[in-house]
Amino acid sequence: MGIVKISDQMHEALRHTSGALSRSINAQAEHWLRVGMLAELNPGLSYREICQLLIQAEGLNAGDDNAAHTHTAHTELRIA
């Protein structure tokens, strides 16, 4: 785990958004980092598609058989 320095403006946006979405500030920052990284690696996907794939990947990681059956054709999703 490391320390990442961010601007006061970004921290304030994280604080407001994390409260609205019932996430910790760190969880909100990690969510935005994951979505941004995936958007850069998969420029053809929309935000909605990225979120759907993250949810499906979480189901697969948890061993959810339904997630494996509902996995979409977006196999090009790359997670570094």
C-alpha atoms as a PDB file:
ATOM      1  CA  MET A   1       0.000   0.000   0.000  1.00  0.00           C
ATOM      2  CA  GLY A   2       1.313   3.418  -0.864  1.00  0.00           C
ATOM      3  CA  ILE A   3       0.405   7.033  -0.438  1.00  0.00           C
ATOM      4  CA  VAL A   4      -0.930   8.967  -3.402  1.00  0.00           C
ATOM      5  CA  LYS A   5      -0.972  12.740  -3.295  1.00  0.00           C
ATOM      6  CA  ILE A   6      -4.023  14.347  -4.858  1.00  0.00           C
ATOM      7  CA  SER A   7      -5.243  17.911  -5.091  1.00  0.00           C
ATOM      8  CA  ASP A   8      -7.517  19.379  -2.456  1.00  0.00           C
ATOM      9  CA  GLN A   9     -10.204  19.741  -5.143  1.00  0.00           C
ATOM     10  CA  MET A  10     -10.052  16.020  -5.999  1.00  0.00           C
ATOM     11  CA  HIS A  11     -10.123  15.083  -2.314  1.00  0.00           C
ATOM     12  CA  GLU A  12     -13.217  17.209  -1.818  1.00  0.00           C
ATOM     13  CA  ALA A  13     -14.905  15.537  -4.822  1.00  0.00           C
ATOM     14  CA  LEU A  14     -13.999  12.124  -3.389  1.00  0.00           C
ATOM     15  CA  ARG A  15     -15.359  13.091   0.018  1.00  0.00           C
ATOM     16  CA  HIS A  16     -18.696  14.286  -1.389  1.00  0.00           C
ATOM     17  CA  THR A  17     -19.125  11.367  -3.786  1.00  0.00           C
ATOM     18  CA  SER A  18     -18.096   8.722  -1.257  1.00  0.00           C
ATOM     19  CA  GLY A  19     -20.688  10.033   1.183  1.00  0.00           C
ATOM     20  CA  ALA A  20     -23.416  10.060  -1.440  1.00  0.00           C
ATOM     21  CA  LEU A  21     -22.605   6.501  -2.542  1.00  0.00           C
ATOM     22  CA  SER A  22     -21.976   5.100   0.961  1.00  0.00           C
ATOM     23  CA  ARG A  23     -18.342   4.268   0.226  1.00  0.00           C
ATOM     24  CA  SER A  24     -15.193   5.137   2.103  1.00  0.00           C
ATOM     25  CA  ILE A  25     -13.037   7.813   0.514  1.00  0.00           C
ATOM     26  CA  ASN A  26     -10.440   5.144  -0.292  1.00  0.00           C
ATOM     27  CA  ALA A  27     -13.060   2.841  -1.840  1.00  0.00           C
ATOM     28  CA  GLN A  28     -14.370   5.697  -4.005  1.00  0.00           C
ATOM     29  CA  ALA A  29     -10.853   6.605  -5.145  1.00  0.00           C
ATOM     30  CA  GLU A  30     -10.117   2.966  -5.975  1.00  0.00           C
ATOM     31  CA  HIS A  31     -13.382   2.709  -7.937  1.00  0.00           C
ATOM     32  CA  TRP A  32     -12.541   5.793  -9.985  1.00  0.00           C
ATOM     33  CA  LEU A  33      -9.005   4.498 -10.584  1.00  0.00           C
ATOM     34  CA  ARG A  34     -10.255   1.107 -11.768  1.00  0.00           C
ATOM     35  CA  VAL A  35     -12.897   2.610 -14.066  1.00  0.00           C
ATOM     36  CA  GLY A  36     -10.428   5.135 -15.486  1.00  0.00           C
ATOM     37  CA  MET A  37      -7.765   2.495 -16.053  1.00  0.00           C
ATOM     38  CA  LEU A  38     -10.239   0.202 -17.800  1.00  0.00           C
ATOM     39  CA  ALA A  39     -11.564   3.067 -19.912  1.00  0.00           C
ATOM     40  CA  GLU A  40      -8.035   3.806 -21.124  1.00  0.00           C
ATOM     41  CA  LEU A  41      -7.294   0.146 -21.838  1.00  0.00           C
ATOM     42  CA  ASN A  42     -10.688  -0.462 -23.506  1.00  0.00           C
ATOM     43  CA  PRO A  43     -11.641   2.795 -25.253  1.00  0.00           C
ATOM     44  CA  GLY A  44     -14.552   1.198 -27.100  1.00  0.00           C
ATOM     45  CA  LEU A  45     -16.487   0.433 -23.907  1.00  0.00           C
ATOM     46  CA  SER A  46     -18.967   2.796 -22.296  1.00  0.00           C
ATOM     47  CA  TYR A  47     -19.006   3.549 -18.568  1.00  0.00           C
ATOM     48  CA  ARG A  48     -22.063   1.319 -18.238  1.00  0.00           C
ATOM     49  CA  GLU A  49     -20.320  -1.581 -19.969  1.00  0.00           C
ATOM     50  CA  ILE A  50     -17.236  -1.186 -17.788  1.00  0.00           C
ATOM     51  CA  CYS A  51     -19.360  -1.215 -14.623  1.00  0.00           C
ATOM     52  CA  GLN A  52     -21.267  -4.281 -15.809  1.00  0.00           C
ATOM     53  CA  LEU A  53     -18.006  -6.111 -16.491  1.00  0.00           C
ATOM     54  CA  LEU A  54     -16.589  -5.142 -13.093  1.00  0.00           C
ATOM     55  CA  ILE A  55     -19.707  -6.537 -11.437  1.00  0.00           C
ATOM     56  CA  GLN A  56     -19.452  -9.741 -13.469  1.00  0.00           C
ATOM     57  CA  ALA A  57     -15.749 -10.083 -12.682  1.00  0.00           C
ATOM     58  CA  GLU A  58     -16.505  -9.699  -8.980  1.00  0.00           C
ATOM     59  CA  GLY A  59     -19.088 -12.474  -9.283  1.00  0.00           C
ATOM     60  CA  LEU A  60     -16.574 -14.705 -11.034  1.00  0.00           C
ATOM     61  CA  ASN A  61     -13.971 -13.957  -8.358  1.00  0.00           C
ATOM     62  CA  ALA A  62     -16.492 -14.902  -5.672  1.00  0.00           C
ATOM     63  CA  GLY A  63     -17.263 -18.195  -7.435  1.00  0.00           C
ATOM     64  CA  ASP A  64     -20.779 -17.151  -8.465  1.00  0.00           C
ATOM     65  CA  ASP A  65     -21.944 -19.619 -11.134  1.00  0.00           C
ATOM     66  CA  ASN A  66     -24.599 -17.178 -12.409  1.00  0.00           C
ATOM     67  CA  ALA A  67     -21.912 -14.624 -13.259  1.00  0.00           C
ATOM     68  CA  ALA A  68     -20.064 -17.224 -15.324  1.00  0.00           C
ATOM     69  CA  HIS A  69     -23.216 -17.967 -17.314  1.00  0.00           C
ATOM     70  CA  THR A  70     -24.067 -14.304 -17.872  1.00  0.00           C
ATOM     71  CA  HIS A  71     -20.558 -13.281 -18.943  1.00  0.00           C
ATOM     72  CA  THR A  72     -20.929 -11.170 -22.070  1.00  0.00           C
ATOM     73  CA  ALA A  73     -18.956 -11.242 -25.277  1.00  0.00           C
ATOM     74  CA  HIS A  74     -16.691  -8.461 -23.951  1.00  0.00           C
ATOM     75  CA  THR A  75     -13.764 -10.805 -23.453  1.00  0.00           C
ATOM     76  CA  GLU A  76     -11.432  -8.036 -24.613  1.00  0.00           C
ATOM     77  CA  LEU A  77     -11.680  -6.433 -21.164  1.00  0.00           C
ATOM     78  CA  ARG A  78      -8.146  -6.038 -19.943  1.00  0.00           C
ATOM     79  CA  ILE A  79      -7.358  -5.535 -16.289  1.00  0.00           C
ATOM     80  CA  ALA A  80      -3.727  -4.771 -15.578  1.00  0.00           C
END
